[in-house]
Amino acid sequence: SNKSLRVSQVTNGEMKGLGTGTFVWPAAHVLAKFLENNFNSRDNIQLNGAVCLYLGSRTGMTGLVAASLGDEVVLTDQDPILPLLASNVARACSDSNNNIMDSSKLHVCIYDWGNQNHVRALCPPFDMLLISDCVLPKLYPIEPLVQSVNALLGDSSVAYFSYEHRPFSLFDPRHEFSRLAAKYGLHVEIVRFNLHDKIYSAEDI
């Protein structure tokens, strides 16, 4: 509908004790445009009515795209990132150029992977999970991420991962992710490249 979405970022977040979660990574663009292209057609499935959780939301951009398509979205991250995340949610809901957000369907919550108290507070399962650029073993171990996904999904749920493949000296992150997913009984499929956006796509994402 030619609406725009603007989010704030924090430059040099890692130098300010905020880690890597203060700006929009390319994998988030790829996932956001995938959602827009595949869930925004009259001839295709709509997100309307689904309850979605965005794991490691950072600026919240991809979750806000999901909300604009009709999802109820819970945006989660670690405590230091929540002020940035909340401000971007408020901005998206109040932006006069972008009256497509329903503030009652957007929620910002703390979630540290593996924290069982946080899981209980989130009240899973969710219909859909969104995860962008969290398969990054140089910074984050993969198994707690897979455990968290397993705890948040229901029997008919789906999780959409988007991440840039970065070589790692100890193992191939793609193979390790698939191995751990199988360990927890999760089925993995690779989204066909022809379903990616023609511009917002890259062979290594």
N, C-alpha and C. Protein backbone atom coordinates (compact mmCIF):
# COMPACT_ATOMS: atom_id res chain seq x y z
N SER A 1 0.82 -1.21 0.00
CA SER A 1 0.00 0.00 0.00
C SER A 1 0.86 1.26 0.00
N ASN A 2 2.11 1.13 -0.34
CA ASN A 2 3.04 2.26 -0.45
C ASN A 2 3.19 3.03 0.86
N LYS A 3 3.03 2.37 1.97
CA LYS A 3 3.29 2.98 3.27
C LYS A 3 4.77 2.83 3.59
N SER A 4 5.28 3.76 4.37
CA SER A 4 6.69 3.70 4.76
C SER A 4 6.79 3.33 6.24
N LEU A 5 7.91 2.73 6.57
CA LEU A 5 8.19 2.35 7.96
C LEU A 5 9.57 2.89 8.31
N ARG A 6 9.64 3.67 9.38
CA ARG A 6 10.91 4.26 9.81
C ARG A 6 11.24 3.76 11.21
N VAL A 7 12.49 3.40 11.42
CA VAL A 7 12.94 3.01 12.75
C VAL A 7 14.23 3.74 13.08
N SER A 8 14.42 3.98 14.37
CA SER A 8 15.66 4.59 14.84
C SER A 8 16.70 3.50 15.10
N GLN A 9 17.95 3.85 14.89
CA GLN A 9 19.07 2.97 15.19
C GLN A 9 20.05 3.71 16.11
N VAL A 10 20.93 2.95 16.73
CA VAL A 10 21.97 3.55 17.58
C VAL A 10 23.31 3.17 16.97
N THR A 11 24.06 4.15 16.54
CA THR A 11 25.37 3.85 15.96
C THR A 11 26.35 3.43 17.06
N ASN A 12 27.24 2.53 16.70
CA ASN A 12 28.27 2.05 17.63
C ASN A 12 27.67 1.49 18.93
N GLY A 13 26.58 0.75 18.77
CA GLY A 13 25.93 0.17 19.95
C GLY A 13 26.83 -0.75 20.74
N GLU A 14 27.71 -1.45 20.04
CA GLU A 14 28.62 -2.35 20.75
C GLU A 14 29.57 -1.59 21.66
N MET A 15 29.93 -0.37 21.28
CA MET A 15 30.81 0.45 22.10
C MET A 15 30.08 1.06 23.29
N LYS A 16 28.76 1.00 23.26
CA LYS A 16 27.95 1.60 24.32
C LYS A 16 27.33 0.55 25.23
N GLY A 17 27.82 -0.68 25.14
CA GLY A 17 27.32 -1.75 25.99
C GLY A 17 25.99 -2.33 25.56
N LEU A 18 25.59 -2.07 24.31
CA LEU A 18 24.29 -2.54 23.82
C LEU A 18 24.41 -3.71 22.86
N GLY A 19 25.61 -4.20 22.64
CA GLY A 19 25.79 -5.35 21.77
C GLY A 19 25.49 -5.02 20.32
N THR A 20 25.03 -6.03 19.59
CA THR A 20 24.80 -5.89 18.14
C THR A 20 23.35 -5.58 17.82
N GLY A 21 22.55 -5.26 18.82
CA GLY A 21 21.11 -5.18 18.62
C GLY A 21 20.55 -3.80 18.35
N THR A 22 21.38 -2.85 17.94
CA THR A 22 20.87 -1.48 17.84
C THR A 22 20.73 -0.97 16.42
N PHE A 23 20.93 -1.84 15.43
CA PHE A 23 20.73 -1.41 14.06
C PHE A 23 20.15 -2.56 13.23
N VAL A 24 19.69 -2.22 12.04
CA VAL A 24 19.01 -3.19 11.18
C VAL A 24 20.04 -3.90 10.32
N TRP A 25 20.15 -5.20 10.50
CA TRP A 25 21.09 -6.01 9.73
C TRP A 25 20.46 -6.41 8.39
N PRO A 26 21.28 -6.73 7.38
CA PRO A 26 20.73 -7.12 6.08
C PRO A 26 19.75 -8.29 6.15
N ALA A 27 20.00 -9.25 7.01
CA ALA A 27 19.09 -10.41 7.10
C ALA A 27 17.69 -9.99 7.54
N ALA A 28 17.60 -8.92 8.33
CA ALA A 28 16.28 -8.41 8.73
C ALA A 28 15.54 -7.82 7.54
N HIS A 29 16.26 -7.12 6.67
CA HIS A 29 15.64 -6.61 5.44
C HIS A 29 15.12 -7.76 4.59
N VAL A 30 15.93 -8.81 4.45
CA VAL A 30 15.53 -9.95 3.63
C VAL A 30 14.26 -10.60 4.18
N LEU A 31 14.20 -10.80 5.48
CA LEU A 31 13.03 -11.43 6.09
C LEU A 31 11.81 -10.53 5.99
N ALA A 32 12.00 -9.23 6.23
CA ALA A 32 10.87 -8.30 6.16
C ALA A 32 10.27 -8.27 4.76
N LYS A 33 11.12 -8.21 3.74
CA LYS A 33 10.61 -8.18 2.37
C LYS A 33 10.00 -9.52 1.96
N PHE A 34 10.53 -10.62 2.51
CA PHE A 34 9.91 -11.93 2.27
C PHE A 34 8.48 -11.94 2.80
N LEU A 35 8.29 -11.43 4.02
CA LEU A 35 6.95 -11.37 4.59
C LEU A 35 6.03 -10.50 3.75
N GLU A 36 6.53 -9.33 3.37
CA GLU A 36 5.71 -8.42 2.58
C GLU A 36 5.28 -9.06 1.26
N ASN A 37 6.21 -9.73 0.60
CA ASN A 37 5.93 -10.30 -0.72
C ASN A 37 5.07 -11.55 -0.66
N ASN A 38 5.19 -12.34 0.40
CA ASN A 38 4.51 -13.64 0.44
C ASN A 38 3.27 -13.67 1.31
N PHE A 39 3.03 -12.63 2.08
CA PHE A 39 1.85 -12.60 2.94
C PHE A 39 1.00 -11.36 2.72
N ASN A 40 1.21 -10.66 1.62
CA ASN A 40 0.51 -9.40 1.40
C ASN A 40 -0.29 -9.40 0.11
N SER A 41 -0.49 -10.58 -0.47
CA SER A 41 -1.22 -10.68 -1.73
C SER A 41 -2.65 -11.15 -1.46
N ARG A 42 -3.59 -10.63 -2.21
CA ARG A 42 -4.99 -11.07 -2.06
C ARG A 42 -5.14 -12.55 -2.40
N ASP A 43 -4.23 -13.05 -3.21
CA ASP A 43 -4.30 -14.44 -3.63
C ASP A 43 -3.50 -15.36 -2.73
N ASN A 44 -2.92 -14.80 -1.68
CA ASN A 44 -2.03 -15.60 -0.83
C ASN A 44 -2.54 -15.56 0.60
N ILE A 45 -1.92 -16.37 1.43
CA ILE A 45 -2.30 -16.43 2.84
C ILE A 45 -2.02 -15.09 3.50
N GLN A 46 -2.89 -14.68 4.41
CA GLN A 46 -2.70 -13.45 5.15
C GLN A 46 -2.21 -13.77 6.55
N LEU A 47 -1.49 -12.84 7.13
CA LEU A 47 -1.06 -13.00 8.52
C LEU A 47 -2.17 -12.64 9.49
N ASN A 48 -3.23 -12.03 9.02
CA ASN A 48 -4.27 -11.49 9.89
C ASN A 48 -4.79 -12.55 10.86
N GLY A 49 -4.71 -12.24 12.15
CA GLY A 49 -5.20 -13.15 13.18
C GLY A 49 -4.12 -13.99 13.82
N ALA A 50 -2.95 -14.10 13.20
CA ALA A 50 -1.88 -14.89 13.78
C ALA A 50 -1.23 -14.14 14.93
N VAL A 51 -0.71 -14.89 15.88
CA VAL A 51 0.04 -14.30 16.99
C VAL A 51 1.50 -14.69 16.78
N CYS A 52 2.33 -13.68 16.64
CA CYS A 52 3.71 -13.86 16.23
C CYS A 52 4.64 -13.36 17.33
N LEU A 53 5.75 -14.07 17.52
CA LEU A 53 6.80 -13.60 18.43
C LEU A 53 8.07 -13.38 17.62
N TYR A 54 8.66 -12.22 17.83
CA TYR A 54 9.92 -11.87 17.17
C TYR A 54 11.02 -12.02 18.20
N LEU A 55 11.89 -12.98 17.96
CA LEU A 55 12.95 -13.35 18.90
C LEU A 55 14.21 -12.56 18.57
N GLY A 56 14.75 -11.83 19.53
CA GLY A 56 15.91 -10.99 19.26
C GLY A 56 15.54 -9.86 18.31
N SER A 57 14.59 -9.03 18.72
CA SER A 57 13.96 -8.08 17.80
C SER A 57 14.86 -6.92 17.37
N ARG A 58 15.86 -6.59 18.18
CA ARG A 58 16.73 -5.44 17.90
C ARG A 58 15.88 -4.17 17.75
N THR A 59 15.91 -3.54 16.57
CA THR A 59 15.13 -2.32 16.36
C THR A 59 13.64 -2.60 16.21
N GLY A 60 13.28 -3.86 15.98
CA GLY A 60 11.89 -4.23 15.81
C GLY A 60 11.38 -4.17 14.39
N MET A 61 12.23 -3.81 13.44
CA MET A 61 11.76 -3.52 12.09
C MET A 61 10.97 -4.68 11.46
N THR A 62 11.50 -5.88 11.50
CA THR A 62 10.82 -7.01 10.86
C THR A 62 9.49 -7.32 11.55
N GLY A 63 9.46 -7.23 12.88
CA GLY A 63 8.21 -7.45 13.60
C GLY A 63 7.17 -6.40 13.28
N LEU A 64 7.59 -5.16 13.06
CA LEU A 64 6.66 -4.11 12.69
C LEU A 64 6.08 -4.35 11.30
N VAL A 65 6.89 -4.90 10.40
CA VAL A 65 6.36 -5.28 9.09
C VAL A 65 5.28 -6.35 9.25
N ALA A 66 5.55 -7.35 10.09
CA ALA A 66 4.55 -8.39 10.34
C ALA A 66 3.27 -7.79 10.91
N ALA A 67 3.40 -6.82 11.82
CA ALA A 67 2.23 -6.18 12.40
C ALA A 67 1.44 -5.41 11.34
N SER A 68 2.15 -4.80 10.39
CA SER A 68 1.46 -4.05 9.34
C SER A 68 0.66 -4.97 8.43
N LEU A 69 1.01 -6.26 8.42
CA LEU A 69 0.30 -7.25 7.59
C LEU A 69 -0.83 -7.95 8.35
N GLY A 70 -1.07 -7.53 9.59
CA GLY A 70 -2.22 -8.05 10.33
C GLY A 70 -1.91 -8.92 11.51
N ASP A 71 -0.63 -9.20 11.75
CA ASP A 71 -0.24 -10.02 12.89
C ASP A 71 -0.40 -9.27 14.21
N GLU A 72 -0.69 -10.00 15.27
CA GLU A 72 -0.43 -9.53 16.62
C GLU A 72 0.99 -9.96 16.95
N VAL A 73 1.84 -9.03 17.36
CA VAL A 73 3.28 -9.31 17.45
C VAL A 73 3.80 -9.00 18.85
N VAL A 74 4.54 -9.96 19.39
CA VAL A 74 5.28 -9.77 20.63
C VAL A 74 6.74 -9.62 20.24
N LEU A 75 7.32 -8.45 20.53
CA LEU A 75 8.72 -8.17 20.18
C LEU A 75 9.56 -8.35 21.43
N THR A 76 10.57 -9.20 21.35
CA THR A 76 11.37 -9.52 22.53
C THR A 76 12.85 -9.23 22.28
N ASP A 77 13.53 -8.91 23.36
CA ASP A 77 14.98 -8.78 23.33
C ASP A 77 15.46 -8.71 24.77
N GLN A 78 16.77 -8.53 24.93
CA GLN A 78 17.34 -8.38 26.26
C GLN A 78 17.05 -6.99 26.80
N ASP A 79 17.14 -6.86 28.11
CA ASP A 79 16.72 -5.64 28.79
C ASP A 79 17.37 -4.36 28.23
N PRO A 80 18.68 -4.32 27.93
CA PRO A 80 19.27 -3.06 27.46
C PRO A 80 18.69 -2.56 26.14
N ILE A 81 18.12 -3.44 25.33
CA ILE A 81 17.60 -3.07 24.02
C ILE A 81 16.15 -2.59 24.09
N LEU A 82 15.45 -2.90 25.18
CA LEU A 82 14.01 -2.63 25.23
C LEU A 82 13.63 -1.16 25.04
N PRO A 83 14.38 -0.19 25.59
CA PRO A 83 13.99 1.21 25.35
C PRO A 83 13.99 1.59 23.87
N LEU A 84 15.02 1.16 23.13
CA LEU A 84 15.05 1.42 21.69
C LEU A 84 13.89 0.74 21.00
N LEU A 85 13.63 -0.50 21.36
CA LEU A 85 12.55 -1.26 20.76
C LEU A 85 11.20 -0.60 21.03
N ALA A 86 10.97 -0.21 22.28
CA ALA A 86 9.70 0.42 22.64
C ALA A 86 9.51 1.76 21.93
N SER A 87 10.60 2.51 21.77
CA SER A 87 10.47 3.80 21.10
C SER A 87 10.14 3.63 19.63
N ASN A 88 10.67 2.58 19.00
CA ASN A 88 10.35 2.33 17.59
C ASN A 88 8.91 1.86 17.42
N VAL A 89 8.41 1.08 18.38
CA VAL A 89 7.00 0.67 18.33
C VAL A 89 6.11 1.90 18.46
N ALA A 90 6.42 2.77 19.43
CA ALA A 90 5.62 3.98 19.62
C ALA A 90 5.66 4.87 18.38
N ARG A 91 6.83 4.97 17.77
CA ARG A 91 6.97 5.80 16.58
C ARG A 91 6.13 5.24 15.43
N ALA A 92 6.18 3.93 15.23
CA ALA A 92 5.43 3.31 14.14
C ALA A 92 3.93 3.50 14.32
N CYS A 93 3.48 3.47 15.56
CA CYS A 93 2.04 3.59 15.83
C CYS A 93 1.55 5.04 15.73
N SER A 94 2.45 6.00 15.91
CA SER A 94 2.03 7.40 15.90
C SER A 94 2.37 8.14 14.63
N ASP A 95 3.16 7.52 13.76
CA ASP A 95 3.61 8.18 12.55
C ASP A 95 2.42 8.51 11.64
N SER A 96 2.24 9.79 11.35
CA SER A 96 1.10 10.21 10.55
C SER A 96 1.16 9.70 9.12
N ASN A 97 2.35 9.32 8.67
CA ASN A 97 2.50 8.80 7.31
C ASN A 97 2.29 7.29 7.23
N ASN A 98 1.95 6.69 8.34
CA ASN A 98 1.98 5.23 8.40
C ASN A 98 0.88 4.72 9.33
N ASN A 99 -0.36 4.99 8.99
CA ASN A 99 -1.48 4.63 9.85
C ASN A 99 -1.93 3.19 9.61
N ILE A 100 -0.98 2.26 9.69
CA ILE A 100 -1.29 0.85 9.44
C ILE A 100 -0.99 -0.01 10.66
N MET A 101 -0.60 0.60 11.77
CA MET A 101 -0.26 -0.14 12.98
C MET A 101 -1.37 -0.02 14.01
N ASP A 102 -1.69 -1.11 14.63
CA ASP A 102 -2.64 -1.13 15.74
C ASP A 102 -1.84 -1.34 17.02
N SER A 103 -1.74 -0.30 17.84
CA SER A 103 -0.89 -0.37 19.03
C SER A 103 -1.32 -1.46 19.99
N SER A 104 -2.60 -1.83 19.97
CA SER A 104 -3.09 -2.87 20.88
C SER A 104 -2.58 -4.25 20.50
N LYS A 105 -2.02 -4.38 19.28
CA LYS A 105 -1.52 -5.68 18.81
C LYS A 105 0.00 -5.76 18.82
N LEU A 106 0.65 -4.79 19.47
CA LEU A 106 2.11 -4.78 19.56
C LEU A 106 2.52 -4.77 21.02
N HIS A 107 3.40 -5.70 21.40
CA HIS A 107 3.82 -5.84 22.78
C HIS A 107 5.34 -5.98 22.82
N VAL A 108 5.98 -5.29 23.74
CA VAL A 108 7.44 -5.37 23.92
C VAL A 108 7.70 -6.08 25.24
N CYS A 109 8.49 -7.15 25.19
CA CYS A 109 8.74 -7.97 26.37
C CYS A 109 10.22 -8.37 26.44
N ILE A 110 10.70 -8.53 27.65
CA ILE A 110 12.04 -9.04 27.85
C ILE A 110 12.06 -10.54 27.62
N TYR A 111 13.10 -11.01 26.98
CA TYR A 111 13.30 -12.46 26.86
C TYR A 111 14.77 -12.76 26.66
N ASP A 112 15.37 -13.41 27.64
CA ASP A 112 16.72 -13.96 27.53
C ASP A 112 16.57 -15.43 27.17
N TRP A 113 17.24 -15.86 26.12
CA TRP A 113 17.12 -17.24 25.68
C TRP A 113 17.38 -18.19 26.84
N GLY A 114 16.48 -19.13 27.02
CA GLY A 114 16.66 -20.15 28.03
C GLY A 114 16.11 -19.79 29.39
N ASN A 115 15.68 -18.55 29.60
CA ASN A 115 15.13 -18.13 30.89
C ASN A 115 13.69 -18.64 30.99
N GLN A 116 13.47 -19.63 31.84
CA GLN A 116 12.16 -20.26 31.94
C GLN A 116 11.10 -19.32 32.50
N ASN A 117 11.48 -18.41 33.38
CA ASN A 117 10.51 -17.43 33.88
C ASN A 117 10.03 -16.53 32.75
N HIS A 118 10.94 -16.14 31.87
CA HIS A 118 10.54 -15.32 30.73
C HIS A 118 9.63 -16.10 29.80
N VAL A 119 9.93 -17.38 29.58
CA VAL A 119 9.08 -18.22 28.72
C VAL A 119 7.66 -18.27 29.27
N ARG A 120 7.53 -18.53 30.57
CA ARG A 120 6.20 -18.63 31.17
C ARG A 120 5.44 -17.31 31.05
N ALA A 121 6.15 -16.19 31.21
CA ALA A 121 5.50 -14.89 31.11
C ALA A 121 5.00 -14.60 29.70
N LEU A 122 5.65 -15.17 28.70
CA LEU A 122 5.26 -14.96 27.32
C LEU A 122 4.03 -15.76 26.92
N CYS A 123 3.71 -16.81 27.68
CA CYS A 123 2.52 -17.64 27.44
C CYS A 123 2.49 -18.28 26.05
N PRO A 124 3.50 -19.09 25.71
CA PRO A 124 3.46 -19.79 24.42
C PRO A 124 2.37 -20.87 24.44
N PRO A 125 2.08 -21.47 23.27
CA PRO A 125 2.81 -21.35 22.00
C PRO A 125 2.32 -20.18 21.15
N PHE A 126 3.15 -19.83 20.15
CA PHE A 126 2.83 -18.80 19.18
C PHE A 126 2.61 -19.44 17.82
N ASP A 127 1.81 -18.78 17.00
CA ASP A 127 1.55 -19.30 15.65
C ASP A 127 2.80 -19.21 14.78
N MET A 128 3.57 -18.15 14.99
CA MET A 128 4.73 -17.91 14.14
C MET A 128 5.84 -17.27 14.97
N LEU A 129 7.07 -17.68 14.68
CA LEU A 129 8.24 -17.01 15.23
C LEU A 129 9.03 -16.39 14.09
N LEU A 130 9.62 -15.23 14.37
CA LEU A 130 10.53 -14.59 13.43
C LEU A 130 11.88 -14.45 14.11
N ILE A 131 12.93 -14.84 13.42
CA ILE A 131 14.28 -14.77 13.99
C ILE A 131 15.21 -14.31 12.88
N SER A 132 15.88 -13.18 13.08
CA SER A 132 16.79 -12.72 12.04
C SER A 132 18.18 -12.47 12.61
N ASP A 133 19.15 -13.08 11.96
CA ASP A 133 20.57 -12.95 12.26
C ASP A 133 20.91 -13.29 13.71
N CYS A 134 20.36 -14.40 14.17
CA CYS A 134 20.70 -14.90 15.51
C CYS A 134 21.53 -16.18 15.45
N VAL A 135 21.66 -16.78 14.27
CA VAL A 135 22.53 -17.96 14.11
C VAL A 135 23.93 -17.42 13.87
N LEU A 136 24.61 -17.14 14.96
CA LEU A 136 25.89 -16.43 14.90
C LEU A 136 26.78 -16.97 16.02
N PRO A 137 27.34 -18.18 15.83
CA PRO A 137 28.04 -18.86 16.93
C PRO A 137 29.26 -18.13 17.46
N LYS A 138 29.80 -17.21 16.68
CA LYS A 138 30.94 -16.43 17.18
C LYS A 138 30.53 -15.61 18.39
N LEU A 139 29.24 -15.21 18.45
CA LEU A 139 28.73 -14.39 19.55
C LEU A 139 27.75 -15.12 20.44
N TYR A 140 26.92 -15.99 19.85
CA TYR A 140 25.85 -16.65 20.61
C TYR A 140 25.89 -18.15 20.34
N PRO A 141 25.89 -18.99 21.38
CA PRO A 141 25.78 -20.43 21.12
C PRO A 141 24.44 -20.76 20.48
N ILE A 142 24.45 -21.73 19.58
CA ILE A 142 23.25 -22.04 18.81
C ILE A 142 22.22 -22.82 19.62
N GLU A 143 22.68 -23.73 20.48
CA GLU A 143 21.71 -24.61 21.15
C GLU A 143 20.70 -23.85 22.01
N PRO A 144 21.09 -22.85 22.82
CA PRO A 144 20.06 -22.12 23.56
C PRO A 144 19.01 -21.47 22.67
N LEU A 145 19.41 -21.05 21.49
CA LEU A 145 18.45 -20.49 20.54
C LEU A 145 17.46 -21.55 20.09
N VAL A 146 17.96 -22.73 19.72
CA VAL A 146 17.07 -23.81 19.28
C VAL A 146 16.17 -24.26 20.42
N GLN A 147 16.70 -24.34 21.62
CA GLN A 147 15.88 -24.69 22.79
C GLN A 147 14.76 -23.68 22.98
N SER A 148 15.08 -22.41 22.82
CA SER A 148 14.07 -21.36 22.99
C SER A 148 12.98 -21.48 21.93
N VAL A 149 13.39 -21.71 20.69
CA VAL A 149 12.41 -21.88 19.62
C VAL A 149 11.50 -23.06 19.92
N ASN A 150 12.08 -24.16 20.36
CA ASN A 150 11.30 -25.34 20.69
C ASN A 150 10.29 -25.07 21.80
N ALA A 151 10.68 -24.24 22.77
CA ALA A 151 9.79 -23.92 23.90
C ALA A 151 8.65 -22.99 23.50
N LEU A 152 8.83 -22.25 22.43
CA LEU A 152 7.85 -21.23 22.05
C LEU A 152 6.90 -21.69 20.94
N LEU A 153 7.26 -22.76 20.23
CA LEU A 153 6.43 -23.25 19.13
C LEU A 153 5.37 -24.22 19.62
N GLY A 154 4.25 -24.25 18.90
CA GLY A 154 3.24 -25.28 19.09
C GLY A 154 3.35 -26.32 18.00
N ASP A 155 2.47 -27.30 18.03
CA ASP A 155 2.54 -28.41 17.06
C ASP A 155 2.36 -27.95 15.62
N SER A 156 1.58 -26.89 15.40
CA SER A 156 1.33 -26.43 14.03
C SER A 156 1.98 -25.08 13.74
N SER A 157 2.93 -24.69 14.57
CA SER A 157 3.59 -23.39 14.40
C SER A 157 4.71 -23.48 13.38
N VAL A 158 5.17 -22.31 12.95
CA VAL A 158 6.29 -22.23 12.02
C VAL A 158 7.21 -21.10 12.49
N ALA A 159 8.51 -21.31 12.32
CA ALA A 159 9.50 -20.28 12.64
C ALA A 159 10.23 -19.93 11.35
N TYR A 160 10.33 -18.64 11.06
CA TYR A 160 11.07 -18.16 9.90
C TYR A 160 12.40 -17.58 10.37
N PHE A 161 13.48 -18.22 9.94
CA PHE A 161 14.83 -17.76 10.24
C PHE A 161 15.41 -17.07 9.02
N SER A 162 16.12 -15.99 9.24
CA SER A 162 16.91 -15.36 8.19
C SER A 162 18.25 -15.00 8.81
N TYR A 163 19.32 -15.50 8.22
CA TYR A 163 20.63 -15.17 8.79
C TYR A 163 21.70 -15.24 7.70
N GLU A 164 22.68 -14.41 7.88
CA GLU A 164 23.81 -14.38 6.96
C GLU A 164 24.78 -15.49 7.33
N HIS A 165 25.16 -16.28 6.33
CA HIS A 165 26.13 -17.33 6.60
C HIS A 165 27.51 -16.73 6.76
N ARG A 166 28.07 -16.91 7.95
CA ARG A 166 29.42 -16.44 8.25
C ARG A 166 30.25 -17.65 8.66
N PRO A 167 31.35 -17.90 7.97
CA PRO A 167 32.18 -19.06 8.33
C PRO A 167 32.62 -19.00 9.79
N PHE A 168 32.68 -20.19 10.40
CA PHE A 168 33.07 -20.32 11.80
C PHE A 168 34.11 -21.42 11.88
N SER A 169 35.15 -21.21 12.65
CA SER A 169 36.30 -22.11 12.62
C SER A 169 35.99 -23.50 13.17
N LEU A 170 35.03 -23.61 14.09
CA LEU A 170 34.79 -24.90 14.75
C LEU A 170 33.80 -25.79 14.02
N PHE A 171 32.87 -25.20 13.28
CA PHE A 171 31.88 -25.99 12.55
C PHE A 171 31.16 -25.08 11.57
N ASP A 172 30.42 -25.70 10.65
CA ASP A 172 29.58 -24.95 9.73
C ASP A 172 28.28 -24.60 10.45
N PRO A 173 27.97 -23.32 10.70
CA PRO A 173 26.77 -22.96 11.45
C PRO A 173 25.48 -23.52 10.85
N ARG A 174 25.41 -23.62 9.53
CA ARG A 174 24.20 -24.15 8.90
C ARG A 174 23.98 -25.61 9.27
N HIS A 175 25.05 -26.40 9.22
CA HIS A 175 24.92 -27.82 9.54
C HIS A 175 24.64 -28.02 11.03
N GLU A 176 25.29 -27.22 11.86
CA GLU A 176 25.08 -27.35 13.30
C GLU A 176 23.66 -26.96 13.68
N PHE A 177 23.14 -25.92 13.05
CA PHE A 177 21.76 -25.53 13.30
C PHE A 177 20.79 -26.66 12.93
N SER A 178 20.99 -27.24 11.76
CA SER A 178 20.12 -28.34 11.32
C SER A 178 20.24 -29.55 12.25
N ARG A 179 21.46 -29.84 12.70
CA ARG A 179 21.66 -30.97 13.61
C ARG A 179 20.92 -30.75 14.92
N LEU A 180 21.03 -29.55 15.47
CA LEU A 180 20.37 -29.26 16.74
C LEU A 180 18.85 -29.21 16.58
N ALA A 181 18.38 -28.69 15.47
CA ALA A 181 16.94 -28.69 15.23
C ALA A 181 16.40 -30.12 15.22
N ALA A 182 17.10 -31.01 14.54
CA ALA A 182 16.67 -32.42 14.50
C ALA A 182 16.70 -33.03 15.89
N LYS A 183 17.69 -32.66 16.68
CA LYS A 183 17.79 -33.17 18.05
C LYS A 183 16.54 -32.85 18.86
N TYR A 184 15.94 -31.69 18.61
CA TYR A 184 14.74 -31.27 19.35
C TYR A 184 13.45 -31.56 18.58
N GLY A 185 13.56 -32.35 17.53
CA GLY A 185 12.37 -32.76 16.79
C GLY A 185 11.78 -31.69 15.90
N LEU A 186 12.59 -30.73 15.49
CA LEU A 186 12.12 -29.66 14.61
C LEU A 186 12.49 -29.97 13.17
N HIS A 187 11.56 -29.74 12.27
CA HIS A 187 11.78 -29.98 10.84
C HIS A 187 12.26 -28.69 10.17
N VAL A 188 13.33 -28.78 9.40
CA VAL A 188 13.93 -27.61 8.75
C VAL A 188 13.74 -27.70 7.24
N GLU A 189 13.26 -26.63 6.65
CA GLU A 189 13.20 -26.50 5.20
C GLU A 189 13.88 -25.19 4.80
N ILE A 190 14.57 -25.19 3.67
CA ILE A 190 15.17 -23.98 3.14
C ILE A 190 14.16 -23.29 2.23
N VAL A 191 13.89 -22.02 2.48
CA VAL A 191 12.98 -21.26 1.63
C VAL A 191 13.63 -21.08 0.26
N ARG A 192 12.89 -21.45 -0.78
CA ARG A 192 13.44 -21.36 -2.13
C ARG A 192 13.84 -19.92 -2.46
N PHE A 193 14.96 -19.78 -3.13
CA PHE A 193 15.50 -18.45 -3.40
C PHE A 193 14.56 -17.64 -4.28
N ASN A 194 13.76 -18.30 -5.13
CA ASN A 194 12.84 -17.55 -6.00
C ASN A 194 11.69 -16.92 -5.22
N LEU A 195 11.54 -17.29 -3.94
CA LEU A 195 10.53 -16.65 -3.10
C LEU A 195 11.08 -15.42 -2.38
N HIS A 196 12.38 -15.20 -2.47
CA HIS A 196 12.97 -14.01 -1.87
C HIS A 196 12.65 -12.79 -2.75
N ASP A 197 12.72 -11.63 -2.15
CA ASP A 197 12.55 -10.39 -2.91
C ASP A 197 13.65 -10.28 -3.96
N LYS A 198 13.32 -9.70 -5.10
CA LYS A 198 14.30 -9.63 -6.18
C LYS A 198 15.44 -8.68 -5.85
N ILE A 199 15.19 -7.67 -5.04
CA ILE A 199 16.23 -6.71 -4.67
C ILE A 199 16.82 -7.05 -3.30
N TYR A 200 15.94 -7.27 -2.32
CA TYR A 200 16.40 -7.55 -0.97
C TYR A 200 16.64 -9.05 -0.81
N SER A 201 17.74 -9.50 -1.40
CA SER A 201 18.10 -10.91 -1.34
C SER A 201 19.60 -11.01 -1.55
N ALA A 202 20.14 -12.12 -1.06
CA ALA A 202 21.57 -12.37 -1.23
C ALA A 202 21.80 -13.86 -1.07
N GLU A 203 22.71 -14.42 -1.86
CA GLU A 203 22.94 -15.87 -1.83
C GLU A 203 23.41 -16.35 -0.46
N ASP A 204 24.07 -15.49 0.32
CA ASP A 204 24.58 -15.94 1.61
C ASP A 204 23.63 -15.61 2.76
N ILE A 205 22.37 -15.21 2.45
CA ILE A 205 21.35 -15.00 3.48
C ILE A 205 20.19 -15.94 3.19
